[in-house]
C-alpha atoms as a PDB file:
ATOM      1  CA  MET A   1     106.925  82.653 143.278  1.00  0.00           C
ATOM      2  CA  ASN A   2     105.613  85.911 144.721  1.00  0.00           C
ATOM      3  CA  ILE A   3     107.644  88.841 146.002  1.00  0.00           C
ATOM      4  CA  TYR A   4     106.509  90.612 149.177  1.00  0.00           C
ATOM      5  CA  ALA A   5     107.788  93.647 151.056  1.00  0.00           C
ATOM      6  CA  ILE A   6     107.748  94.646 154.710  1.00  0.00           C
ATOM      7  CA  SER A   7     110.053  96.968 156.639  1.00  0.00           C
ATOM      8  CA  ASP A   8     110.702  98.069 160.195  1.00  0.00           C
ATOM      9  CA  LEU A   9     109.906  94.854 162.040  1.00  0.00           C
ATOM     10  CA  HIS A  10     111.592  96.322 165.116  1.00  0.00           C
ATOM     11  CA  PHE A  11     111.893  92.967 166.832  1.00  0.00           C
ATOM     12  CA  GLY A  12     113.441  93.362 170.270  1.00  0.00           C
ATOM     13  CA  GLU A  13     114.002  89.939 171.811  1.00  0.00           C
ATOM     14  CA  ALA A  14     117.315  90.820 173.466  1.00  0.00           C
ATOM     15  CA  ALA A  15     116.901  94.585 173.759  1.00  0.00           C
ATOM     16  CA  GLY A  16     113.574  94.331 175.545  1.00  0.00           C
ATOM     17  CA  LYS A  17     112.214  97.256 173.538  1.00  0.00           C
ATOM     18  CA  ASP A  18     108.757  97.745 172.142  1.00  0.00           C
ATOM     19  CA  MET A  19     107.074 100.263 169.837  1.00  0.00           C
ATOM     20  CA  ASP A  20     104.114 101.151 172.029  1.00  0.00           C
ATOM     21  CA  LEU A  21     105.102 104.820 172.017  1.00  0.00           C
ATOM     22  CA  PHE A  22     103.769 104.924 168.465  1.00  0.00           C
ATOM     23  CA  GLY A  23     100.299 103.960 169.668  1.00  0.00           C
ATOM     24  CA  GLU A  24      98.086 101.009 170.515  1.00  0.00           C
ATOM     25  CA  LYS A  25      98.423  99.698 166.983  1.00  0.00           C
ATOM     26  CA  TRP A  26     101.915  98.504 167.909  1.00  0.00           C
ATOM     27  CA  LEU A  27     100.751  96.370 170.848  1.00  0.00           C
ATOM     28  CA  ASN A  28     101.941  92.785 170.285  1.00  0.00           C
ATOM     29  CA  HIS A  29     103.170  93.820 166.856  1.00  0.00           C
ATOM     30  CA  LYS A  30     105.698  90.990 166.670  1.00  0.00           C
ATOM     31  CA  GLU A  31     102.992  88.362 167.062  1.00  0.00           C
ATOM     32  CA  LYS A  32     100.896  90.153 164.428  1.00  0.00           C
ATOM     33  CA  ILE A  33     103.762  90.128 161.949  1.00  0.00           C
ATOM     34  CA  ILE A  34     104.573  86.458 162.523  1.00  0.00           C
ATOM     35  CA  ASN A  35     100.960  85.306 162.272  1.00  0.00           C
ATOM     36  CA  ASN A  36     100.258  87.351 159.141  1.00  0.00           C
ATOM     37  CA  TRP A  37     103.528  86.252 157.553  1.00  0.00           C
ATOM     38  CA  LYS A  38     102.734  82.570 158.057  1.00  0.00           C
ATOM     39  CA  THR A  39      99.294  83.093 156.565  1.00  0.00           C
ATOM     40  CA  ILE A  40     100.463  84.999 153.480  1.00  0.00           C
ATOM     41  CA  VAL A  41     103.991  83.868 152.557  1.00  0.00           C
ATOM     42  CA  THR A  42     105.024  80.424 151.271  1.00  0.00           C
ATOM     43  CA  ASP A  43     108.472  78.843 151.103  1.00  0.00           C
ATOM     44  CA  ASN A  44     108.594  79.587 147.372  1.00  0.00           C
ATOM     45  CA  ASP A  45     108.249  83.340 147.926  1.00  0.00           C
ATOM     46  CA  ILE A  46     110.733  86.157 148.527  1.00  0.00           C
ATOM     47  CA  VAL A  47     110.282  88.829 151.202  1.00  0.00           C
ATOM     48  CA  LEU A  48     112.133  92.137 150.837  1.00  0.00           C
ATOM     49  CA  MET A  49     112.887  93.886 154.146  1.00  0.00           C
ATOM     50  CA  SER A  50     114.291  97.419 154.054  1.00  0.00           C
ATOM     51  CA  GLY A  51     115.801  97.885 157.472  1.00  0.00           C
ATOM     52  CA  ASP A  52     115.221  98.317 161.209  1.00  0.00           C
ATOM     53  CA  THR A  53     114.829  94.597 161.647  1.00  0.00           C
ATOM     54  CA  SER A  54     116.035  94.328 165.251  1.00  0.00           C
ATOM     55  CA  TRP A  55     116.617  96.685 168.171  1.00  0.00           C
ATOM     56  CA  ALA A  56     119.722  94.696 169.153  1.00  0.00           C
ATOM     57  CA  THR A  57     123.057  96.504 169.306  1.00  0.00           C
ATOM     58  CA  SER A  58     125.267  93.465 168.669  1.00  0.00           C
ATOM     59  CA  LEU A  59     125.008  90.535 166.287  1.00  0.00           C
ATOM     60  CA  GLU A  60     125.048  88.168 169.249  1.00  0.00           C
ATOM     61  CA  ASP A  61     121.928  89.843 170.630  1.00  0.00           C
ATOM     62  CA  ALA A  62     120.269  90.132 167.206  1.00  0.00           C
ATOM     63  CA  LYS A  63     120.657  86.392 166.651  1.00  0.00           C
ATOM     64  CA  ALA A  64     117.397  85.504 168.442  1.00  0.00           C
ATOM     65  CA  ASP A  65     115.430  87.897 166.219  1.00  0.00           C
ATOM     66  CA  LEU A  66     117.182  86.730 163.053  1.00  0.00           C
ATOM     67  CA  ASP A  67     116.586  83.094 164.004  1.00  0.00           C
ATOM     68  CA  GLU A  68     112.852  83.799 164.249  1.00  0.00           C
ATOM     69  CA  ILE A  69     112.876  85.487 160.862  1.00  0.00           C
ATOM     70  CA  SER A  70     114.815  82.588 159.351  1.00  0.00           C
ATOM     71  CA  ASN A  71     112.159  80.181 160.625  1.00  0.00           C
ATOM     72  CA  LEU A  72     109.401  82.072 158.794  1.00  0.00           C
ATOM     73  CA  PRO A  73     108.396  80.938 155.281  1.00  0.00           C
ATOM     74  CA  GLY A  74     110.209  82.208 152.210  1.00  0.00           C
ATOM     75  CA  ARG A  75     113.598  83.579 151.313  1.00  0.00           C
ATOM     76  CA  LYS A  76     114.360  86.934 152.908  1.00  0.00           C
ATOM     77  CA  VAL A  77     116.411  89.772 151.455  1.00  0.00           C
ATOM     78  CA  ILE A  78     117.336  92.266 154.179  1.00  0.00           C
ATOM     79  CA  SER A  79     118.946  95.706 153.947  1.00  0.00           C
ATOM     80  CA  ARG A  80     120.120  98.007 156.713  1.00  0.00           C
ATOM     81  CA  GLY A  81     118.144 100.613 158.658  1.00  0.00           C
ATOM     82  CA  ASN A  82     119.262 103.427 160.922  1.00  0.00           C
ATOM     83  CA  HIS A  83     118.615 101.356 164.073  1.00  0.00           C
ATOM     84  CA  ASP A  84     120.376  98.177 162.907  1.00  0.00           C
ATOM     85  CA  TYR A  85     123.467  98.711 165.070  1.00  0.00           C
ATOM     86  CA  TRP A  86     124.132  94.951 165.077  1.00  0.00           C
ATOM     87  CA  TRP A  87     124.861  95.103 161.323  1.00  0.00           C
ATOM     88  CA  LYS A  88     128.647  94.900 160.932  1.00  0.00           C
ATOM     89  CA  SER A  89     130.282  92.442 158.523  1.00  0.00           C
ATOM     90  CA  LEU A  90     128.245  91.483 155.441  1.00  0.00           C
ATOM     91  CA  TYR A  91     130.493  88.461 154.983  1.00  0.00           C
ATOM     92  CA  LYS A  92     129.698  87.217 158.470  1.00  0.00           C
ATOM     93  CA  LEU A  93     125.974  87.938 158.089  1.00  0.00           C
ATOM     94  CA  ASN A  94     125.739  86.119 154.777  1.00  0.00           C
ATOM     95  CA  ASN A  95     127.244  82.990 156.284  1.00  0.00           C
ATOM     96  CA  LEU A  96     124.613  82.679 159.024  1.00  0.00           C
ATOM     97  CA  TYR A  97     121.513  81.473 157.166  1.00  0.00           C
ATOM     98  CA  GLU A  98     120.623  79.690 153.948  1.00  0.00           C
ATOM     99  CA  ASN A  99     117.354  81.585 153.539  1.00  0.00           C
ATOM    100  CA  ILE A 100     118.375  85.132 154.538  1.00  0.00           C
ATOM    101  CA  PHE A 101     120.435  87.348 152.215  1.00  0.00           C
ATOM    102  CA  PHE A 102     121.876  90.615 153.500  1.00  0.00           C
ATOM    103  CA  ILE A 103     122.541  93.238 150.823  1.00  0.00           C
ATOM    104  CA  GLN A 104     124.170  96.664 150.830  1.00  0.00           C
ATOM    105  CA  ASN A 105     126.016  98.818 148.282  1.00  0.00           C
ATOM    106  CA  GLU A 106     127.883  96.464 145.887  1.00  0.00           C
ATOM    107  CA  THR A 107     126.375  93.333 147.466  1.00  0.00           C
ATOM    108  CA  ILE A 108     123.207  92.576 145.483  1.00  0.00           C
ATOM    109  CA  PHE A 109     120.683  89.778 145.029  1.00  0.00           C
ATOM    110  CA  GLU A 110     119.519  88.336 141.705  1.00  0.00           C
ATOM    111  CA  ILE A 111     116.415  86.303 140.984  1.00  0.00           C
ATOM    112  CA  ASP A 112     115.196  85.469 137.472  1.00  0.00           C
ATOM    113  CA  ASN A 113     115.171  88.769 135.520  1.00  0.00           C
ATOM    114  CA  ILE A 114     115.329  90.985 138.615  1.00  0.00           C
ATOM    115  CA  THR A 115     118.284  92.550 140.414  1.00  0.00           C
ATOM    116  CA  ILE A 116     117.706  93.756 143.964  1.00  0.00           C
ATOM    117  CA  CYS A 117     120.114  96.274 145.445  1.00  0.00           C
ATOM    118  CA  ALA A 118     120.103  98.406 148.569  1.00  0.00           C
ATOM    119  CA  THR A 119     121.564 101.191 150.605  1.00  0.00           C
ATOM    120  CA  LYS A 120     120.330 102.926 153.720  1.00  0.00           C
ATOM    121  CA  GLY A 121     119.778 106.437 152.423  1.00  0.00           C
ATOM    122  CA  TYR A 122     119.442 109.428 154.717  1.00  0.00           C
ATOM    123  CA  LEU A 123     117.482 112.588 155.444  1.00  0.00           C
ATOM    124  CA  CYS A 124     117.034 114.710 152.362  1.00  0.00           C
ATOM    125  CA  PRO A 125     117.572 118.489 152.450  1.00  0.00           C
ATOM    126  CA  ASN A 126     114.623 120.085 154.238  1.00  0.00           C
ATOM    127  CA  ASP A 127     113.535 123.172 156.168  1.00  0.00           C
ATOM    128  CA  TYR A 128     113.274 121.730 159.686  1.00  0.00           C
ATOM    129  CA  LYS A 129     116.477 119.709 160.296  1.00  0.00           C
ATOM    130  CA  PHE A 130     119.421 119.710 157.953  1.00  0.00           C
ATOM    131  CA  ASN A 131     122.790 121.044 159.082  1.00  0.00           C
ATOM    132  CA  LYS A 132     126.334 120.688 157.763  1.00  0.00           C
ATOM    133  CA  ALA A 133     126.765 117.303 159.450  1.00  0.00           C
ATOM    134  CA  ASP A 134     123.550 116.092 157.814  1.00  0.00           C
ATOM    135  CA  GLU A 135     124.733 117.365 154.446  1.00  0.00           C
ATOM    136  CA  LYS A 136     127.971 115.382 154.755  1.00  0.00           C
ATOM    137  CA  ILE A 137     126.108 112.151 155.531  1.00  0.00           C
ATOM    138  CA  TYR A 138     123.548 112.840 152.804  1.00  0.00           C
ATOM    139  CA  LYS A 139     126.278 113.212 150.154  1.00  0.00           C
ATOM    140  CA  ARG A 140     127.974 110.033 151.394  1.00  0.00           C
ATOM    141  CA  GLU A 141     124.736 108.082 151.127  1.00  0.00           C
ATOM    142  CA  VAL A 142     124.003 109.438 147.642  1.00  0.00           C
ATOM    143  CA  ALA A 143     127.451 108.175 146.616  1.00  0.00           C
ATOM    144  CA  ARG A 144     126.668 104.775 148.121  1.00  0.00           C
ATOM    145  CA  LEU A 145     123.401 104.627 146.195  1.00  0.00           C
ATOM    146  CA  LYS A 146     125.293 105.348 142.979  1.00  0.00           C
ATOM    147  CA  LEU A 147     127.614 102.458 143.810  1.00  0.00           C
ATOM    148  CA  ALA A 148     124.665 100.115 144.440  1.00  0.00           C
ATOM    149  CA  LEU A 149     122.796 101.082 141.279  1.00  0.00           C
ATOM    150  CA  SER A 150     125.942 100.956 139.155  1.00  0.00           C
ATOM    151  CA  SER A 151     126.608  97.410 140.378  1.00  0.00           C
ATOM    152  CA  ALA A 152     122.997  96.401 139.761  1.00  0.00           C
ATOM    153  CA  SER A 153     122.904  97.875 136.258  1.00  0.00           C
ATOM    154  CA  LYS A 154     125.860  95.738 135.160  1.00  0.00           C
ATOM    155  CA  LYS A 155     123.760  92.603 135.645  1.00  0.00           C
ATOM    156  CA  ASN A 156     121.695  93.416 132.574  1.00  0.00           C
ATOM    157  CA  THR A 157     118.463  92.146 134.089  1.00  0.00           C
ATOM    158  CA  GLU A 158     115.074  93.498 133.092  1.00  0.00           C
ATOM    159  CA  TYR A 159     114.247  95.197 136.387  1.00  0.00           C
ATOM    160  CA  ILE A 160     116.038  96.764 139.307  1.00  0.00           C
ATOM    161  CA  ILE A 161     114.294  96.840 142.664  1.00  0.00           C
ATOM    162  CA  LEU A 162     115.903  99.222 145.143  1.00  0.00           C
ATOM    163  CA  LEU A 163     115.606  98.863 148.905  1.00  0.00           C
ATOM    164  CA  LEU A 164     116.117 102.065 150.877  1.00  0.00           C
ATOM    165  CA  HIS A 165     115.428 102.605 154.527  1.00  0.00           C
ATOM    166  CA  TYR A 166     114.792 106.339 154.476  1.00  0.00           C
ATOM    167  CA  PRO A 167     112.317 107.802 151.984  1.00  0.00           C
ATOM    168  CA  PRO A 168     114.229 109.301 149.028  1.00  0.00           C
ATOM    169  CA  THR A 169     112.576 112.729 149.382  1.00  0.00           C
ATOM    170  CA  ASN A 170     111.901 115.284 152.082  1.00  0.00           C
ATOM    171  CA  ASP A 171     108.488 115.961 153.625  1.00  0.00           C
ATOM    172  CA  LYS A 172     107.605 118.239 150.672  1.00  0.00           C
ATOM    173  CA  LEU A 173     108.318 115.349 148.269  1.00  0.00           C
ATOM    174  CA  GLU A 174     110.934 117.431 146.478  1.00  0.00           C
ATOM    175  CA  THR A 175     113.564 115.892 144.247  1.00  0.00           C
ATOM    176  CA  SER A 176     116.905 114.831 145.719  1.00  0.00           C
ATOM    177  CA  GLY A 177     120.203 113.238 144.798  1.00  0.00           C
ATOM    178  CA  PHE A 178     118.572 109.876 145.480  1.00  0.00           C
ATOM    179  CA  ILE A 179     115.699 110.593 143.095  1.00  0.00           C
ATOM    180  CA  GLU A 180     118.078 111.775 140.378  1.00  0.00           C
ATOM    181  CA  LEU A 181     119.991 108.488 140.530  1.00  0.00           C
ATOM    182  CA  ILE A 182     116.801 106.412 140.679  1.00  0.00           C
ATOM    183  CA  ASN A 183     115.604 108.132 137.504  1.00  0.00           C
ATOM    184  CA  LYS A 184     118.965 107.695 135.795  1.00  0.00           C
ATOM    185  CA  TYR A 185     119.108 103.919 136.220  1.00  0.00           C
ATOM    186  CA  ASN A 186     116.555 101.291 135.227  1.00  0.00           C
ATOM    187  CA  VAL A 187     114.833 101.169 138.611  1.00  0.00           C
ATOM    188  CA  LYS A 188     111.386  99.588 138.507  1.00  0.00           C
ATOM    189  CA  LYS A 189     110.429  99.866 142.158  1.00  0.00           C
ATOM    190  CA  VAL A 190     111.720 101.575 145.291  1.00  0.00           C
ATOM    191  CA  ILE A 191     110.781 100.006 148.618  1.00  0.00           C
ATOM    192  CA  TYR A 192     111.435 102.016 151.765  1.00  0.00           C
ATOM    193  CA  GLY A 193     110.329 102.285 155.407  1.00  0.00           C
ATOM    194  CA  HIS A 194     111.304 104.501 158.361  1.00  0.00           C
ATOM    195  CA  LEU A 195     108.032 106.457 158.480  1.00  0.00           C
ATOM    196  CA  HIS A 196     105.769 105.564 161.411  1.00  0.00           C
ATOM    197  CA  GLY A 197     102.388 106.881 162.437  1.00  0.00           C
ATOM    198  CA  LYS A 198      99.536 108.256 160.360  1.00  0.00           C
ATOM    199  CA  ARG A 199     100.905 111.785 160.655  1.00  0.00           C
ATOM    200  CA  TYR A 200     104.125 110.853 158.823  1.00  0.00           C
ATOM    201  CA  TYR A 201     103.026 108.371 156.134  1.00  0.00           C
ATOM    202  CA  LYS A 202     102.457 111.282 153.727  1.00  0.00           C
ATOM    203  CA  ASP A 203     106.121 112.321 154.005  1.00  0.00           C
ATOM    204  CA  GLY A 204     107.206 109.821 151.366  1.00  0.00           C
ATOM    205  CA  LEU A 205     106.379 109.219 147.718  1.00  0.00           C
ATOM    206  CA  GLN A 206     103.778 106.537 147.103  1.00  0.00           C
ATOM    207  CA  GLY A 207     102.725 105.275 143.708  1.00  0.00           C
ATOM    208  CA  VAL A 208     104.260 105.822 140.282  1.00  0.00           C
ATOM    209  CA  TYR A 209     106.423 108.874 139.572  1.00  0.00           C
ATOM    210  CA  ASN A 210     108.522 109.091 136.409  1.00  0.00           C
ATOM    211  CA  ARG A 211     107.717 105.425 135.743  1.00  0.00           C
ATOM    212  CA  VAL A 212     109.126 104.337 139.114  1.00  0.00           C
ATOM    213  CA  ASP A 213     106.813 102.710 141.653  1.00  0.00           C
ATOM    214  CA  TYR A 214     107.466 103.933 145.215  1.00  0.00           C
ATOM    215  CA  ILE A 215     106.267 101.636 148.007  1.00  0.00           C
ATOM    216  CA  LEU A 216     106.126 102.551 151.686  1.00  0.00           C
ATOM    217  CA  ALA A 217     106.601  99.243 153.499  1.00  0.00           C
ATOM    218  CA  SER A 218     106.778 100.243 157.187  1.00  0.00           C
ATOM    219  CA  SER A 219     105.121  97.391 159.036  1.00  0.00           C
ATOM    220  CA  ASP A 220     102.581  99.595 160.800  1.00  0.00           C
ATOM    221  CA  TYR A 221     101.582 101.228 157.500  1.00  0.00           C
ATOM    222  CA  LEU A 222     100.976  97.732 156.096  1.00  0.00           C
ATOM    223  CA  ASP A 223      99.008  96.760 159.216  1.00  0.00           C
ATOM    224  CA  PHE A 224     101.854  94.298 159.931  1.00  0.00           C
ATOM    225  CA  LYS A 225     101.129  92.240 156.797  1.00  0.00           C
ATOM    226  CA  PRO A 226     103.717  91.596 154.070  1.00  0.00           C
ATOM    227  CA  ARG A 227     102.615  93.422 150.920  1.00  0.00           C
ATOM    228  CA  LEU A 228     102.591  91.763 147.522  1.00  0.00           C
ATOM    229  CA  VAL A 229     104.912  93.530 145.074  1.00  0.00           C
ATOM    230  CA  ASN A 230     103.414  93.399 141.606  1.00  0.00           C
ATOM    231  CA  LEU A 231     105.967  93.217 138.782  1.00  0.00           C
END
């Protein structure tokens, strides 16, 4: 069994949206993802997906995109992104597919000696956009991360892998409430997305900091290929 990561698929079967505004690299990106996935991933593998899976605004509309993902090899563990407006009831989502697991806050996924947990995260305090409304959401999301990590830590597994959608720092890579909690708990790896375009890839931690491995998994950053997560 291998574990792979990829985020921000931005499938748009029902919404009719594409990602071309981010450059030519995104042309036919869905076909690129599907072809690469089938080449790399086997049915014995797990693929971790940290949000922005579909442009759909309702579960009914997202179903076509989720069906396509279900038909790809491997078991999929999906968390929520800021554009996943179709994401409503976890109970309903987790009764749709045998090979897709939706996780958020207290709802976690265990495999062997690994616990995988998730929350969406949010913008971290920064100099260019962070008002009182942002601060309120930021504090709420930090509290949700604490809930997720507390639930994961009770499982007593060797590793915790955390899926976030937003990077857990600002563009200056300064510490945050998210980072403080990540350091407090036994988190082995943090997988996140949200950042698109060469100009913005640097706005998130990458590599090992304080013994935690930070992985940017936005599909365009990975050239639309699921990335192997080394344990």
